[in-house]
N, C-alpha and C. Protein backbone atom coordinates (compact mmCIF):
# COMPACT_ATOMS: atom_id res chain seq x y z
N MET A 1 18.37 19.49 20.45
CA MET A 1 18.50 18.11 20.89
C MET A 1 19.46 17.39 19.95
N LYS A 2 20.44 16.76 20.52
CA LYS A 2 21.41 16.04 19.71
C LYS A 2 20.95 14.61 19.49
N MET A 3 21.29 14.11 18.32
CA MET A 3 20.96 12.73 17.98
C MET A 3 22.16 11.86 18.38
N PRO A 4 21.94 10.89 19.27
CA PRO A 4 23.05 9.99 19.64
C PRO A 4 23.56 9.24 18.42
N TYR A 5 24.86 8.94 18.43
CA TYR A 5 25.48 8.31 17.27
C TYR A 5 24.87 6.94 16.98
N SER A 6 24.56 6.18 18.03
CA SER A 6 23.98 4.85 17.82
C SER A 6 22.61 4.97 17.15
N GLN A 7 21.85 5.97 17.54
CA GLN A 7 20.55 6.20 16.93
C GLN A 7 20.72 6.65 15.48
N TYR A 8 21.72 7.52 15.24
CA TYR A 8 22.01 7.96 13.88
C TYR A 8 22.32 6.76 12.98
N LEU A 9 23.13 5.83 13.49
CA LEU A 9 23.50 4.66 12.68
C LEU A 9 22.30 3.81 12.32
N LYS A 10 21.37 3.63 13.26
CA LYS A 10 20.17 2.85 12.98
C LYS A 10 19.32 3.53 11.90
N ILE A 11 19.19 4.84 12.00
CA ILE A 11 18.39 5.57 11.03
C ILE A 11 19.07 5.57 9.67
N GLU A 12 20.40 5.78 9.66
CA GLU A 12 21.15 5.79 8.40
C GLU A 12 21.03 4.45 7.70
N THR A 13 21.12 3.37 8.45
CA THR A 13 21.01 2.04 7.87
C THR A 13 19.64 1.81 7.25
N SER A 14 18.59 2.22 7.96
CA SER A 14 17.25 2.01 7.42
C SER A 14 16.95 2.95 6.25
N ALA A 15 17.68 4.08 6.17
CA ALA A 15 17.48 5.02 5.07
C ALA A 15 18.21 4.58 3.81
N GLY A 16 19.20 3.71 3.95
CA GLY A 16 19.92 3.23 2.77
C GLY A 16 21.42 3.43 2.84
N GLY A 17 21.94 3.73 4.00
CA GLY A 17 23.38 3.88 4.15
C GLY A 17 23.84 5.32 4.00
N VAL A 18 25.16 5.49 3.92
CA VAL A 18 25.74 6.83 3.88
C VAL A 18 25.39 7.57 2.59
N THR A 19 25.02 6.85 1.57
CA THR A 19 24.67 7.50 0.30
C THR A 19 23.18 7.82 0.20
N ALA A 20 22.44 7.66 1.28
CA ALA A 20 21.00 7.95 1.27
C ALA A 20 20.76 9.44 1.05
N SER A 21 19.69 9.75 0.37
CA SER A 21 19.35 11.15 0.15
C SER A 21 18.83 11.76 1.45
N PRO A 22 18.90 13.08 1.58
CA PRO A 22 18.35 13.73 2.77
C PRO A 22 16.86 13.44 2.96
N CYS A 23 16.13 13.34 1.87
CA CYS A 23 14.69 13.04 1.94
C CYS A 23 14.47 11.65 2.54
N ALA A 24 15.24 10.68 2.10
CA ALA A 24 15.11 9.32 2.63
C ALA A 24 15.51 9.28 4.10
N PHE A 25 16.51 10.07 4.47
CA PHE A 25 16.94 10.12 5.87
C PHE A 25 15.83 10.71 6.75
N VAL A 26 15.19 11.78 6.30
CA VAL A 26 14.11 12.39 7.07
C VAL A 26 12.94 11.43 7.20
N ARG A 27 12.62 10.71 6.15
CA ARG A 27 11.54 9.72 6.22
C ARG A 27 11.86 8.64 7.25
N ALA A 28 13.12 8.18 7.27
CA ALA A 28 13.52 7.17 8.25
C ALA A 28 13.46 7.74 9.66
N CYS A 29 13.78 9.01 9.82
CA CYS A 29 13.68 9.66 11.13
C CYS A 29 12.24 9.66 11.61
N HIS A 30 11.33 10.01 10.74
CA HIS A 30 9.92 10.07 11.11
C HIS A 30 9.38 8.69 11.48
N LYS A 31 9.90 7.65 10.87
CA LYS A 31 9.45 6.30 11.21
C LYS A 31 9.90 5.90 12.61
N ARG A 32 11.01 6.45 13.08
CA ARG A 32 11.54 6.11 14.40
C ARG A 32 10.86 6.89 15.53
N LEU A 33 10.09 7.93 15.22
CA LEU A 33 9.48 8.76 16.24
C LEU A 33 8.29 8.08 16.91
N SER A 34 8.11 8.38 18.18
CA SER A 34 6.92 7.91 18.90
C SER A 34 5.75 8.82 18.55
N ALA A 35 4.59 8.47 19.02
CA ALA A 35 3.40 9.29 18.77
C ALA A 35 3.55 10.66 19.42
N THR A 36 4.16 10.72 20.58
CA THR A 36 4.40 12.00 21.25
C THR A 36 5.38 12.84 20.46
N GLY A 37 6.42 12.21 19.93
CA GLY A 37 7.43 12.93 19.16
C GLY A 37 6.90 13.49 17.85
N ARG A 38 5.85 12.89 17.34
CA ARG A 38 5.25 13.38 16.09
C ARG A 38 4.30 14.55 16.32
N GLY A 39 3.96 14.81 17.58
CA GLY A 39 2.97 15.83 17.91
C GLY A 39 3.46 17.25 17.68
N ARG A 40 2.51 18.15 17.64
CA ARG A 40 2.79 19.57 17.39
C ARG A 40 3.64 20.19 18.49
N GLU A 41 3.45 19.76 19.74
CA GLU A 41 4.19 20.36 20.85
C GLU A 41 5.68 20.02 20.82
N CYS A 42 6.07 19.00 20.10
CA CYS A 42 7.47 18.61 20.00
C CYS A 42 8.11 19.03 18.69
N ARG A 43 7.43 19.86 17.93
CA ARG A 43 7.89 20.23 16.59
C ARG A 43 9.28 20.84 16.60
N HIS A 44 9.53 21.81 17.48
CA HIS A 44 10.82 22.50 17.52
C HIS A 44 11.95 21.52 17.85
N MET A 45 11.75 20.69 18.87
CA MET A 45 12.78 19.72 19.24
C MET A 45 12.99 18.68 18.14
N ARG A 46 11.90 18.27 17.50
CA ARG A 46 11.99 17.29 16.41
C ARG A 46 12.81 17.85 15.26
N HIS A 47 12.59 19.10 14.89
CA HIS A 47 13.33 19.71 13.79
C HIS A 47 14.81 19.85 14.13
N ARG A 48 15.13 20.23 15.37
CA ARG A 48 16.54 20.31 15.77
C ARG A 48 17.20 18.94 15.73
N TRP A 49 16.46 17.91 16.16
CA TRP A 49 16.97 16.54 16.16
C TRP A 49 17.25 16.06 14.74
N ILE A 50 16.33 16.34 13.82
CA ILE A 50 16.50 15.93 12.42
C ILE A 50 17.64 16.71 11.77
N ARG A 51 17.74 18.01 12.06
CA ARG A 51 18.84 18.82 11.50
C ARG A 51 20.19 18.32 11.97
N ASP A 52 20.27 17.91 13.23
CA ASP A 52 21.52 17.36 13.74
C ASP A 52 21.87 16.07 13.00
N GLY A 53 20.89 15.23 12.74
CA GLY A 53 21.13 14.00 11.98
C GLY A 53 21.54 14.28 10.55
N LEU A 54 20.92 15.28 9.92
CA LEU A 54 21.29 15.65 8.55
C LEU A 54 22.71 16.21 8.47
N ALA A 55 23.09 16.99 9.49
CA ALA A 55 24.47 17.51 9.53
C ALA A 55 25.46 16.36 9.67
N ARG A 56 25.12 15.40 10.50
CA ARG A 56 26.00 14.23 10.68
C ARG A 56 26.07 13.41 9.39
N LEU A 57 24.94 13.28 8.69
CA LEU A 57 24.91 12.56 7.41
C LEU A 57 25.83 13.23 6.40
N ALA A 58 25.78 14.55 6.32
CA ALA A 58 26.65 15.29 5.40
C ALA A 58 28.12 15.10 5.76
N SER A 59 28.41 15.14 7.05
CA SER A 59 29.79 14.94 7.51
C SER A 59 30.29 13.54 7.17
N GLU A 60 29.47 12.54 7.44
CA GLU A 60 29.84 11.16 7.14
C GLU A 60 30.00 10.95 5.63
N ARG A 61 29.16 11.60 4.85
CA ARG A 61 29.26 11.47 3.39
C ARG A 61 30.56 12.08 2.88
N ARG A 62 30.96 13.25 3.41
CA ARG A 62 32.25 13.86 3.01
C ARG A 62 33.41 12.94 3.37
N TYR A 63 33.36 12.37 4.56
CA TYR A 63 34.42 11.44 4.98
C TYR A 63 34.45 10.22 4.06
N PHE A 64 33.30 9.66 3.76
CA PHE A 64 33.20 8.49 2.89
C PHE A 64 33.76 8.79 1.50
N GLN A 65 33.45 9.96 0.96
CA GLN A 65 33.95 10.33 -0.36
C GLN A 65 35.46 10.51 -0.35
N ASN A 66 36.02 11.05 0.74
CA ASN A 66 37.47 11.21 0.82
C ASN A 66 38.17 9.86 0.92
N VAL A 67 37.59 8.95 1.67
CA VAL A 67 38.20 7.63 1.85
C VAL A 67 38.12 6.82 0.56
N MET A 68 37.02 6.96 -0.16
CA MET A 68 36.80 6.14 -1.35
C MET A 68 37.37 6.77 -2.64
N LYS A 69 38.10 7.86 -2.52
CA LYS A 69 38.70 8.47 -3.71
C LYS A 69 39.70 7.52 -4.35
N PRO A 70 39.66 7.40 -5.66
CA PRO A 70 40.66 6.55 -6.31
C PRO A 70 42.04 7.23 -6.22
N SER A 71 43.04 6.44 -5.96
CA SER A 71 44.40 6.98 -5.80
C SER A 71 45.11 7.16 -7.11
């Protein structure tokens, strides 16, 4: 399951921005889940969704570091 970019931005913002730790990002993801999404039957989809968000966080962090490099 892919995480939509708009949803990623909301989670990233609540986690502390692009410099948020992966742990803080996962915590913010869990806060956004519904009761059904937290259940055991959705575990596989939930993990894929969080992994997609973590991959996007790493990508955004690399981009941010390249842009903010001192010249």
